[in-house]
Each structure stands twice: as C-alpha cells, then as structure tokens.
Amino acid sequence: MTKMTKMTINIDGLSKMAKAMGDEWVTRVGVLGSQNQRDSGGSLGNADIGLVHEFGSVTGHIPARSFLRMPIETKSK
C-alpha cells in the first residue's frame, strides 16, 4: 500500500501579486543563463548538456533522459 502525503498551499495573495506586476513579466522554462559555460572548462555548456539529456545523442550513444518534457507530459492534464 502506498503512503500518501497531503500538502496544502495557500495562494490567496497570488492574484493580487500578479495584478501588481502587470503584463511586463514573462516566465521562461528551460536551461537559461547568459553565462552558459560550466566550470570544468569543457566545450559543452549547460544548454548543450540539457539538450543531450532531453533528446539523447546518437553519435555519443547516450539515451534521452528528459527532465523538462517528461514531467510536463506525464503530470499535466
């Protein structure tokens, strides 16, 4: 038997905050950043690695390991 955890989130002020912010704000989802390179100094940046994880690499023999599309596709209605 699976144990269930109940979670409650209070979003009472969310509409007020959204109205105060206006239409100037947007949400971006993905691997973002102006400084994309990793500390290791390799040729691949975070976005490049994210792309390989999402779709895999035939030449690198790496299977897809989705961390963006799969959760959205499986959890959204």
PDB file of N, CA and C in Angstrom:
ATOM      1  N   MET A   1       0.836  -1.180   0.000  1.00  0.00           N
ATOM      2  CA  MET A   1       0.000   0.000   0.000  1.00  0.00           C
ATOM      3  C   MET A   1       0.879   1.242   0.000  1.00  0.00           C
ATOM      4  N   THR A   2       0.560   2.205  -0.859  1.00  0.00           N
ATOM      5  CA  THR A   2       1.324   3.429  -0.987  1.00  0.00           C
ATOM      6  C   THR A   2       0.865   4.450   0.043  1.00  0.00           C
ATOM      7  N   LYS A   3       1.828   5.053   0.716  1.00  0.00           N
ATOM      8  CA  LYS A   3       1.518   6.110   1.665  1.00  0.00           C
ATOM      9  C   LYS A   3       1.323   7.420   0.920  1.00  0.00           C
ATOM     10  N   MET A   4       0.296   8.150   1.279  1.00  0.00           N
ATOM     11  CA  MET A   4       0.011   9.432   0.636  1.00  0.00           C
ATOM     12  C   MET A   4       0.315  10.558   1.612  1.00  0.00           C
ATOM     13  N   THR A   5       0.865  11.644   1.103  1.00  0.00           N
ATOM     14  CA  THR A   5       1.136  12.832   1.896  1.00  0.00           C
ATOM     15  C   THR A   5       0.242  13.938   1.392  1.00  0.00           C
ATOM     16  N   LYS A   6      -0.430  14.610   2.307  1.00  0.00           N
ATOM     17  CA  LYS A   6      -1.304  15.719   1.933  1.00  0.00           C
ATOM     18  C   LYS A   6      -0.527  17.018   2.069  1.00  0.00           C
ATOM     19  N   MET A   7      -0.600  17.850   1.027  1.00  0.00           N
ATOM     20  CA  MET A   7       0.084  19.128   1.026  1.00  0.00           C
ATOM     21  C   MET A   7      -0.934  20.222   0.736  1.00  0.00           C
ATOM     22  N   THR A   8      -0.850  21.307   1.472  1.00  0.00           N
ATOM     23  CA  THR A   8      -1.736  22.438   1.265  1.00  0.00           C
ATOM     24  C   THR A   8      -0.887  23.667   0.953  1.00  0.00           C
ATOM     25  N   ILE A   9      -1.251  24.384  -0.084  1.00  0.00           N
ATOM     26  CA  ILE A   9      -0.538  25.599  -0.475  1.00  0.00           C
ATOM     27  C   ILE A   9      -1.515  26.759  -0.447  1.00  0.00           C
ATOM     28  N   ASN A  10      -1.162  27.816   0.247  1.00  0.00           N
ATOM     29  CA  ASN A  10      -2.001  28.997   0.334  1.00  0.00           C
ATOM     30  C   ASN A  10      -1.572  29.982  -0.751  1.00  0.00           C
ATOM     31  N   ILE A  11      -2.432  30.182  -1.749  1.00  0.00           N
ATOM     32  CA  ILE A  11      -2.126  31.110  -2.843  1.00  0.00           C
ATOM     33  C   ILE A  11      -3.089  32.296  -2.842  1.00  0.00           C
ATOM     34  N   ASP A  12      -3.611  32.634  -1.648  1.00  0.00           N
ATOM     35  CA  ASP A  12      -4.583  33.716  -1.548  1.00  0.00           C
ATOM     36  C   ASP A  12      -4.071  35.031  -2.140  1.00  0.00           C
ATOM     37  N   GLY A  13      -2.807  35.348  -1.961  1.00  0.00           N
ATOM     38  CA  GLY A  13      -2.276  36.628  -2.444  1.00  0.00           C
ATOM     39  C   GLY A  13      -1.740  36.579  -3.860  1.00  0.00           C
ATOM     40  N   LEU A  14      -1.849  35.444  -4.537  1.00  0.00           N
ATOM     41  CA  LEU A  14      -1.263  35.291  -5.866  1.00  0.00           C
ATOM     42  C   LEU A  14      -1.901  36.213  -6.895  1.00  0.00           C
ATOM     43  N   SER A  15      -3.218  36.312  -6.900  1.00  0.00           N
ATOM     44  CA  SER A  15      -3.905  37.188  -7.864  1.00  0.00           C
ATOM     45  C   SER A  15      -3.521  38.638  -7.647  1.00  0.00           C
ATOM     46  N   LYS A  16      -3.437  39.041  -6.396  1.00  0.00           N
ATOM     47  CA  LYS A  16      -3.059  40.419  -6.072  1.00  0.00           C
ATOM     48  C   LYS A  16      -1.632  40.706  -6.546  1.00  0.00           C
ATOM     49  N   MET A  17      -0.732  39.770  -6.322  1.00  0.00           N
ATOM     50  CA  MET A  17       0.647  39.941  -6.752  1.00  0.00           C
ATOM     51  C   MET A  17       0.743  39.996  -8.279  1.00  0.00           C
ATOM     52  N   ALA A  18       0.015  39.124  -8.983  1.00  0.00           N
ATOM     53  CA  ALA A  18       0.030  39.109 -10.444  1.00  0.00           C
ATOM     54  C   ALA A  18      -0.497  40.423 -11.003  1.00  0.00           C
ATOM     55  N   LYS A  19      -1.535  40.953 -10.400  1.00  0.00           N
ATOM     56  CA  LYS A  19      -2.097  42.234 -10.849  1.00  0.00           C
ATOM     57  C   LYS A  19      -1.097  43.364 -10.620  1.00  0.00           C
ATOM     58  N   ALA A  20      -0.408  43.344  -9.486  1.00  0.00           N
ATOM     59  CA  ALA A  20       0.577  44.381  -9.185  1.00  0.00           C
ATOM     60  C   ALA A  20       1.767  44.334 -10.135  1.00  0.00           C
ATOM     61  N   MET A  21       2.128  43.144 -10.599  1.00  0.00           N
ATOM     62  CA  MET A  21       3.265  43.002 -11.505  1.00  0.00           C
ATOM     63  C   MET A  21       2.926  43.469 -12.909  1.00  0.00           C
ATOM     64  N   GLY A  22       1.663  43.414 -13.293  1.00  0.00           N
ATOM     65  CA  GLY A  22       1.261  43.853 -14.619  1.00  0.00           C
ATOM     66  C   GLY A  22       1.599  42.843 -15.696  1.00  0.00           C
ATOM     67  N   ASP A  23       1.624  43.302 -16.943  1.00  0.00           N
ATOM     68  CA  ASP A  23       1.851  42.432 -18.101  1.00  0.00           C
ATOM     69  C   ASP A  23       3.301  42.387 -18.554  1.00  0.00           C
ATOM     70  N   GLU A  24       4.199  43.031 -17.812  1.00  0.00           N
ATOM     71  CA  GLU A  24       5.593  43.117 -18.246  1.00  0.00           C
ATOM     72  C   GLU A  24       6.392  41.841 -17.966  1.00  0.00           C
ATOM     73  N   TRP A  25       5.883  40.971 -17.123  1.00  0.00           N
ATOM     74  CA  TRP A  25       6.630  39.802 -16.693  1.00  0.00           C
ATOM     75  C   TRP A  25       6.288  38.584 -17.541  1.00  0.00           C
ATOM     76  N   VAL A  26       7.302  37.795 -17.827  1.00  0.00           N
ATOM     77  CA  VAL A  26       7.114  36.542 -18.547  1.00  0.00           C
ATOM     78  C   VAL A  26       7.839  35.430 -17.794  1.00  0.00           C
ATOM     79  N   THR A  27       7.459  34.214 -18.052  1.00  0.00           N
ATOM     80  CA  THR A  27       8.123  33.060 -17.459  1.00  0.00           C
ATOM     81  C   THR A  27       8.818  32.281 -18.559  1.00  0.00           C
ATOM     82  N   ARG A  28      10.069  31.986 -18.339  1.00  0.00           N
ATOM     83  CA  ARG A  28      10.822  31.181 -19.288  1.00  0.00           C
ATOM     84  C   ARG A  28      11.184  29.868 -18.617  1.00  0.00           C
ATOM     85  N   VAL A  29      11.054  28.796 -19.372  1.00  0.00           N
ATOM     86  CA  VAL A  29      11.341  27.471 -18.836  1.00  0.00           C
ATOM     87  C   VAL A  29      12.422  26.844 -19.698  1.00  0.00           C
ATOM     88  N   GLY A  30      13.387  26.277 -19.061  1.00  0.00           N
ATOM     89  CA  GLY A  30      14.445  25.608 -19.813  1.00  0.00           C
ATOM     90  C   GLY A  30      15.791  25.799 -19.140  1.00  0.00           C
ATOM     91  N   VAL A  31      16.862  25.597 -19.882  1.00  0.00           N
ATOM     92  CA  VAL A  31      18.213  25.810 -19.388  1.00  0.00           C
ATOM     93  C   VAL A  31      18.622  27.191 -19.851  1.00  0.00           C
ATOM     94  N   LEU A  32      18.597  28.141 -18.935  1.00  0.00           N
ATOM     95  CA  LEU A  32      18.781  29.544 -19.277  1.00  0.00           C
ATOM     96  C   LEU A  32      20.052  30.091 -18.634  1.00  0.00           C
ATOM     97  N   GLY A  33      20.471  31.245 -19.106  1.00  0.00           N
ATOM     98  CA  GLY A  33      21.598  31.924 -18.482  1.00  0.00           C
ATOM     99  C   GLY A  33      22.516  32.530 -19.509  1.00  0.00           C
ATOM    100  N   SER A  34      23.023  33.724 -19.198  1.00  0.00           N
ATOM    101  CA  SER A  34      23.942  34.378 -20.126  1.00  0.00           C
ATOM    102  C   SER A  34      25.341  33.775 -20.027  1.00  0.00           C
ATOM    103  N   GLN A  35      25.668  33.201 -18.876  1.00  0.00           N
ATOM    104  CA  GLN A  35      26.959  32.530 -18.715  1.00  0.00           C
ATOM    105  C   GLN A  35      26.694  31.029 -18.695  1.00  0.00           C
ATOM    106  N   ASN A  36      26.699  30.464 -19.865  1.00  0.00           N
ATOM    107  CA  ASN A  36      26.268  29.087 -20.079  1.00  0.00           C
ATOM    108  C   ASN A  36      27.376  28.069 -19.808  1.00  0.00           C
ATOM    109  N   GLN A  37      28.622  28.493 -19.809  1.00  0.00           N
ATOM    110  CA  GLN A  37      29.715  27.526 -19.712  1.00  0.00           C
ATOM    111  C   GLN A  37      29.831  26.941 -18.324  1.00  0.00           C
ATOM    112  N   ARG A  38      30.314  25.730 -18.264  1.00  0.00           N
ATOM    113  CA  ARG A  38      30.482  25.026 -16.995  1.00  0.00           C
ATOM    114  C   ARG A  38      31.884  25.284 -16.452  1.00  0.00           C
ATOM    115  N   ASP A  39      32.051  25.084 -15.167  1.00  0.00           N
ATOM    116  CA  ASP A  39      33.334  25.330 -14.508  1.00  0.00           C
ATOM    117  C   ASP A  39      34.440  24.402 -14.989  1.00  0.00           C
ATOM    118  N   SER A  40      34.077  23.244 -15.522  1.00  0.00           N
ATOM    119  CA  SER A  40      35.080  22.272 -15.932  1.00  0.00           C
ATOM    120  C   SER A  40      35.899  22.725 -17.136  1.00  0.00           C
ATOM    121  N   GLY A  41      35.457  23.781 -17.818  1.00  0.00           N
ATOM    122  CA  GLY A  41      36.208  24.298 -18.956  1.00  0.00           C
ATOM    123  C   GLY A  41      36.039  23.494 -20.232  1.00  0.00           C
ATOM    124  N   GLY A  42      35.105  22.563 -20.249  1.00  0.00           N
ATOM    125  CA  GLY A  42      34.870  21.760 -21.444  1.00  0.00           C
ATOM    126  C   GLY A  42      34.188  22.569 -22.539  1.00  0.00           C
ATOM    127  N   SER A  43      33.953  21.943 -23.656  1.00  0.00           N
ATOM    128  CA  SER A  43      33.350  22.645 -24.791  1.00  0.00           C
ATOM    129  C   SER A  43      31.831  22.709 -24.697  1.00  0.00           C
ATOM    130  N   LEU A  44      31.224  21.901 -23.831  1.00  0.00           N
ATOM    131  CA  LEU A  44      29.775  21.893 -23.700  1.00  0.00           C
ATOM    132  C   LEU A  44      29.322  22.800 -22.560  1.00  0.00           C
ATOM    133  N   GLY A  45      28.303  23.592 -22.841  1.00  0.00           N
ATOM    134  CA  GLY A  45      27.716  24.429 -21.811  1.00  0.00           C
ATOM    135  C   GLY A  45      26.489  23.752 -21.219  1.00  0.00           C
ATOM    136  N   ASN A  46      25.855  24.410 -20.255  1.00  0.00           N
ATOM    137  CA  ASN A  46      24.667  23.851 -19.611  1.00  0.00           C
ATOM    138  C   ASN A  46      23.550  23.576 -20.609  1.00  0.00           C
ATOM    139  N   ALA A  47      23.321  24.486 -21.547  1.00  0.00           N
ATOM    140  CA  ALA A  47      22.262  24.287 -22.538  1.00  0.00           C
ATOM    141  C   ALA A  47      22.575  23.087 -23.430  1.00  0.00           C
ATOM    142  N   ASP A  48      23.837  22.922 -23.799  1.00  0.00           N
ATOM    143  CA  ASP A  48      24.234  21.779 -24.630  1.00  0.00           C
ATOM    144  C   ASP A  48      23.989  20.457 -23.897  1.00  0.00           C
ATOM    145  N   ILE A  49      24.366  20.417 -22.645  1.00  0.00           N
ATOM    146  CA  ILE A  49      24.170  19.207 -21.849  1.00  0.00           C
ATOM    147  C   ILE A  49      22.681  18.950 -21.631  1.00  0.00           C
ATOM    148  N   GLY A  50      21.912  20.030 -21.395  1.00  0.00           N
ATOM    149  CA  GLY A  50      20.465  19.889 -21.259  1.00  0.00           C
ATOM    150  C   GLY A  50      19.835  19.314 -22.512  1.00  0.00           C
ATOM    151  N   LEU A  51      20.299  19.750 -23.673  1.00  0.00           N
ATOM    152  CA  LEU A  51      19.795  19.242 -24.948  1.00  0.00           C
ATOM    153  C   LEU A  51      20.069  17.752 -25.088  1.00  0.00           C
ATOM    154  N   VAL A  52      21.268  17.324 -24.735  1.00  0.00           N
ATOM    155  CA  VAL A  52      21.613  15.900 -24.814  1.00  0.00           C
ATOM    156  C   VAL A  52      20.753  15.092 -23.840  1.00  0.00           C
ATOM    157  N   HIS A  53      20.532  15.625 -22.644  1.00  0.00           N
ATOM    158  CA  HIS A  53      19.689  14.904 -21.681  1.00  0.00           C
ATOM    159  C   HIS A  53      18.257  14.783 -22.184  1.00  0.00           C
ATOM    160  N   GLU A  54      17.727  15.830 -22.788  1.00  0.00           N
ATOM    161  CA  GLU A  54      16.338  15.810 -23.268  1.00  0.00           C
ATOM    162  C   GLU A  54      16.140  14.854 -24.428  1.00  0.00           C
ATOM    163  N   PHE A  55      17.032  14.889 -25.417  1.00  0.00           N
ATOM    164  CA  PHE A  55      16.810  14.162 -26.668  1.00  0.00           C
ATOM    165  C   PHE A  55      17.797  13.021 -26.915  1.00  0.00           C
ATOM    166  N   GLY A  56      18.842  12.930 -26.116  1.00  0.00           N
ATOM    167  CA  GLY A  56      19.843  11.890 -26.324  1.00  0.00           C
ATOM    168  C   GLY A  56      20.827  12.270 -27.420  1.00  0.00           C
ATOM    169  N   SER A  57      21.814  11.429 -27.624  1.00  0.00           N
ATOM    170  CA  SER A  57      22.825  11.652 -28.652  1.00  0.00           C
ATOM    171  C   SER A  57      23.124  10.324 -29.336  1.00  0.00           C
ATOM    172  N   VAL A  58      22.772  10.245 -30.610  1.00  0.00           N
ATOM    173  CA  VAL A  58      23.031   9.027 -31.372  1.00  0.00           C
ATOM    174  C   VAL A  58      24.524   8.806 -31.507  1.00  0.00           C
ATOM    175  N   THR A  59      25.266   9.867 -31.814  1.00  0.00           N
ATOM    176  CA  THR A  59      26.706   9.725 -32.023  1.00  0.00           C
ATOM    177  C   THR A  59      27.456   9.451 -30.726  1.00  0.00           C
ATOM    178  N   GLY A  60      26.928   9.959 -29.604  1.00  0.00           N
ATOM    179  CA  GLY A  60      27.582   9.726 -28.318  1.00  0.00           C
ATOM    180  C   GLY A  60      27.035   8.519 -27.581  1.00  0.00           C
ATOM    181  N   HIS A  61      26.088   7.800 -28.219  1.00  0.00           N
ATOM    182  CA  HIS A  61      25.461   6.610 -27.629  1.00  0.00           C
ATOM    183  C   HIS A  61      24.858   6.919 -26.244  1.00  0.00           C
ATOM    184  N   ILE A  62      24.157   8.066 -26.161  1.00  0.00           N
ATOM    185  CA  ILE A  62      23.542   8.500 -24.910  1.00  0.00           C
ATOM    186  C   ILE A  62      22.031   8.511 -25.097  1.00  0.00           C
ATOM    187  N   PRO A  63      21.288   7.767 -24.280  1.00  0.00           N
ATOM    188  CA  PRO A  63      19.828   7.770 -24.404  1.00  0.00           C
ATOM    189  C   PRO A  63      19.229   9.064 -23.863  1.00  0.00           C
ATOM    190  N   ALA A  64      18.026   9.381 -24.300  1.00  0.00           N
ATOM    191  CA  ALA A  64      17.322  10.557 -23.781  1.00  0.00           C
ATOM    192  C   ALA A  64      16.978  10.342 -22.315  1.00  0.00           C
ATOM    193  N   ARG A  65      17.173  11.391 -21.529  1.00  0.00           N
ATOM    194  CA  ARG A  65      16.815  11.382 -20.100  1.00  0.00           C
ATOM    195  C   ARG A  65      16.104  12.697 -19.811  1.00  0.00           C
ATOM    196  N   SER A  66      14.881  12.767 -20.235  1.00  0.00           N
ATOM    197  CA  SER A  66      14.135  14.015 -20.165  1.00  0.00           C
ATOM    198  C   SER A  66      13.941  14.507 -18.730  1.00  0.00           C
ATOM    199  N   PHE A  67      14.245  15.780 -18.520  1.00  0.00           N
ATOM    200  CA  PHE A  67      13.982  16.410 -17.236  1.00  0.00           C
ATOM    201  C   PHE A  67      13.036  17.598 -17.398  1.00  0.00           C
ATOM    202  N   LEU A  68      12.677  17.939 -18.643  1.00  0.00           N
ATOM    203  CA  LEU A  68      11.740  19.035 -18.904  1.00  0.00           C
ATOM    204  C   LEU A  68      10.423  18.522 -19.482  1.00  0.00           C
ATOM    205  N   ARG A  69      10.482  17.856 -20.631  1.00  0.00           N
ATOM    206  CA  ARG A  69       9.261  17.414 -21.315  1.00  0.00           C
ATOM    207  C   ARG A  69       8.530  16.310 -20.569  1.00  0.00           C
ATOM    208  N   MET A  70       9.258  15.293 -20.107  1.00  0.00           N
ATOM    209  CA  MET A  70       8.627  14.134 -19.486  1.00  0.00           C
ATOM    210  C   MET A  70       7.779  14.522 -18.262  1.00  0.00           C
ATOM    211  N   PRO A  71       8.293  15.316 -17.334  1.00  0.00           N
ATOM    212  CA  PRO A  71       7.438  15.674 -16.190  1.00  0.00           C
ATOM    213  C   PRO A  71       6.195  16.467 -16.602  1.00  0.00           C
ATOM    214  N   ILE A  72       6.339  17.346 -17.581  1.00  0.00           N
ATOM    215  CA  ILE A  72       5.199  18.136 -18.039  1.00  0.00           C
ATOM    216  C   ILE A  72       4.192  17.236 -18.723  1.00  0.00           C
ATOM    217  N   GLU A  73       4.651  16.355 -19.606  1.00  0.00           N
ATOM    218  CA  GLU A  73       3.755  15.476 -20.337  1.00  0.00           C
ATOM    219  C   GLU A  73       3.037  14.472 -19.427  1.00  0.00           C
ATOM    220  N   THR A  74       3.716  13.992 -18.415  1.00  0.00           N
ATOM    221  CA  THR A  74       3.122  12.966 -17.568  1.00  0.00           C
ATOM    222  C   THR A  74       2.249  13.556 -16.459  1.00  0.00           C
ATOM    223  N   LYS A  75       2.477  14.789 -16.056  1.00  0.00           N
ATOM    224  CA  LYS A  75       1.748  15.364 -14.931  1.00  0.00           C
ATOM    225  C   LYS A  75       0.676  16.368 -15.336  1.00  0.00           C
ATOM    226  N   SER A  76       0.719  16.907 -16.551  1.00  0.00           N
ATOM    227  CA  SER A  76      -0.295  17.889 -16.947  1.00  0.00           C
ATOM    228  C   SER A  76      -1.519  17.178 -17.496  1.00  0.00           C
ATOM    229  N   LYS A  77      -2.657  17.811 -17.318  1.00  0.00           N
ATOM    230  CA  LYS A  77      -3.905  17.207 -17.828  1.00  0.00           C
ATOM    231  C   LYS A  77      -4.350  17.916 -19.080  1.00  0.00           C
TER     232      LYS A  77
END
